[in-house]
Amino acid sequence: MGKLSTHVLDITQGKPGAGVQVKLYRVNGVEKVLVKTDTTNADGRCDVPLLQGDEVKAGKYELVFGAGDYFAGQGVNLPSPRFIDEVVIAFGIADPNANYHVPIVVSPWAYSTYRGS
């Protein structure tokens, strides 16, 4: 059975991004349906997978990370408007039996993602 997980790494401070709000949407054409909202723990991960088992369906999804609010909460002096505010990662799940790990590495000025294991 497959699962979807994530991880946030704060490259500005070289530590996990703890307390980042994560929203998961399923995308059906132009409609986006909120599937789950969670917050990262001290290790920058959600305590449980965002999707697992029968919840994992093939299709298009978006993960939205509240990076700007996280950095503001860390006391980082951010411009207004913020350069990086919400990080939106649009991705697809082709095989619902596979594991999909979608981490982000983020700063107030840049981010990167990849399909992890």
Protein backbone atom coordinates (compact mmCIF):
# COMPACT_ATOMS: atom_id res chain seq x y z
CA MET A 1 0.00 0.00 0.00
CA GLY A 2 1.26 3.45 -0.90
CA LYS A 3 1.68 6.60 1.10
CA LEU A 4 2.39 10.32 0.71
CA SER A 5 4.71 12.12 3.12
CA THR A 6 6.65 15.37 3.26
CA HIS A 7 9.54 17.04 5.07
CA VAL A 8 10.54 20.70 5.44
CA LEU A 9 14.19 21.73 5.77
CA ASP A 10 15.09 25.33 6.65
CA ILE A 11 18.37 25.98 4.81
CA THR A 12 18.70 29.45 6.31
CA GLN A 13 19.23 28.02 9.78
CA GLY A 14 20.32 24.51 8.81
CA LYS A 15 17.55 22.76 10.71
CA PRO A 16 14.16 21.09 10.23
CA GLY A 17 11.26 23.44 9.57
CA ALA A 18 9.15 22.84 12.68
CA GLY A 19 5.67 24.34 12.86
CA VAL A 20 5.11 24.79 9.12
CA GLN A 21 1.47 24.53 8.06
CA VAL A 22 1.00 22.05 5.21
CA LYS A 23 -2.18 21.81 3.14
CA LEU A 24 -2.85 18.99 0.68
CA TYR A 25 -5.28 19.51 -2.20
CA ARG A 26 -6.56 17.06 -4.80
CA VAL A 27 -6.85 18.80 -8.18
CA ASN A 28 -9.76 17.87 -10.45
CA GLY A 29 -9.45 20.06 -13.54
CA VAL A 30 -9.85 23.61 -12.23
CA GLU A 31 -11.38 22.48 -8.92
CA LYS A 32 -9.12 22.06 -5.88
CA VAL A 33 -10.43 20.05 -2.94
CA LEU A 34 -8.72 20.39 0.44
CA VAL A 35 -7.87 16.87 1.58
CA LYS A 36 -5.83 17.53 4.71
CA THR A 37 -4.16 20.24 6.79
CA ASP A 38 -1.28 19.42 9.10
CA THR A 39 1.67 21.08 10.84
CA THR A 40 5.25 19.82 10.80
CA ASN A 41 6.76 18.49 14.03
CA ALA A 42 10.19 19.20 15.57
CA ASP A 43 11.82 17.05 12.85
CA GLY A 44 10.10 19.05 10.06
CA ARG A 45 7.80 16.12 9.24
CA CYS A 46 4.11 15.44 9.75
CA ASP A 47 3.45 12.90 12.50
CA VAL A 48 1.52 10.62 10.13
CA PRO A 49 1.54 10.31 6.33
CA LEU A 50 -0.64 12.83 4.51
CA LEU A 51 -2.21 9.93 2.64
CA GLN A 52 -1.84 6.20 3.17
CA GLY A 53 -3.36 2.95 2.02
CA ASP A 54 -6.74 3.33 0.33
CA GLU A 55 -6.52 7.15 0.67
CA VAL A 56 -3.82 7.21 -2.01
CA LYS A 57 -5.47 7.68 -5.41
CA ALA A 58 -3.87 8.30 -8.79
CA GLY A 59 -4.26 11.89 -9.87
CA LYS A 60 -3.00 15.45 -9.54
CA TYR A 61 -2.30 17.08 -6.18
CA GLU A 62 -0.90 20.25 -4.66
CA LEU A 63 1.01 20.67 -1.43
CA VAL A 64 0.95 24.22 -0.04
CA PHE A 65 3.55 25.10 2.59
CA GLY A 66 3.17 28.19 4.81
CA ALA A 67 6.84 29.13 4.48
CA GLY A 68 6.39 32.89 4.88
CA ASP A 69 4.50 32.50 8.16
CA TYR A 70 7.15 30.04 9.35
CA PHE A 71 10.03 32.47 8.67
CA ALA A 72 8.10 35.38 10.20
CA GLY A 73 7.61 33.23 13.30
CA GLN A 74 11.36 32.61 13.37
CA GLY A 75 11.94 36.36 13.60
CA VAL A 76 13.30 36.70 10.08
CA ASN A 77 12.97 40.27 8.78
CA LEU A 78 10.89 39.74 5.63
CA PRO A 79 9.97 42.29 2.97
CA SER A 80 6.35 43.19 2.32
CA PRO A 81 5.10 41.53 0.27
CA ARG A 82 7.13 38.43 1.06
CA PHE A 83 9.25 37.05 -1.78
CA ILE A 84 8.55 33.44 -0.73
CA ASP A 85 5.22 33.19 1.07
CA GLU A 86 3.29 30.06 0.21
CA VAL A 87 5.25 27.35 -1.58
CA VAL A 88 2.96 25.43 -3.93
CA ILE A 89 4.18 22.10 -5.25
CA ALA A 90 1.97 20.63 -7.98
CA PHE A 91 2.65 16.93 -8.55
CA GLY A 92 1.03 13.74 -9.72
CA ILE A 93 0.55 10.31 -8.24
CA ALA A 94 0.66 7.71 -10.99
CA ASP A 95 0.92 4.56 -8.88
CA PRO A 96 -1.25 4.54 -5.73
CA ASN A 97 0.70 1.54 -4.41
CA ALA A 98 4.02 3.44 -4.40
CA ASN A 99 5.49 5.71 -1.73
CA TYR A 100 5.65 9.40 -2.61
CA HIS A 101 7.83 11.61 -0.41
CA VAL A 102 7.73 15.30 -1.42
CA PRO A 103 10.21 17.28 0.71
CA ILE A 104 11.10 20.95 0.36
CA VAL A 105 14.30 22.77 1.13
CA VAL A 106 13.38 26.40 1.74
CA SER A 107 14.67 29.85 2.64
CA PRO A 108 12.94 33.26 2.46
CA TRP A 109 14.46 33.61 -1.04
CA ALA A 110 14.37 30.18 -2.67
CA TYR A 111 13.04 26.64 -2.47
CA SER A 112 13.62 23.27 -4.08
CA THR A 113 11.82 19.95 -4.10
CA TYR A 114 12.34 16.43 -5.38
CA ARG A 115 10.73 13.03 -5.15
CA GLY A 116 12.33 11.39 -2.16
CA SER A 117 12.03 7.85 -0.91
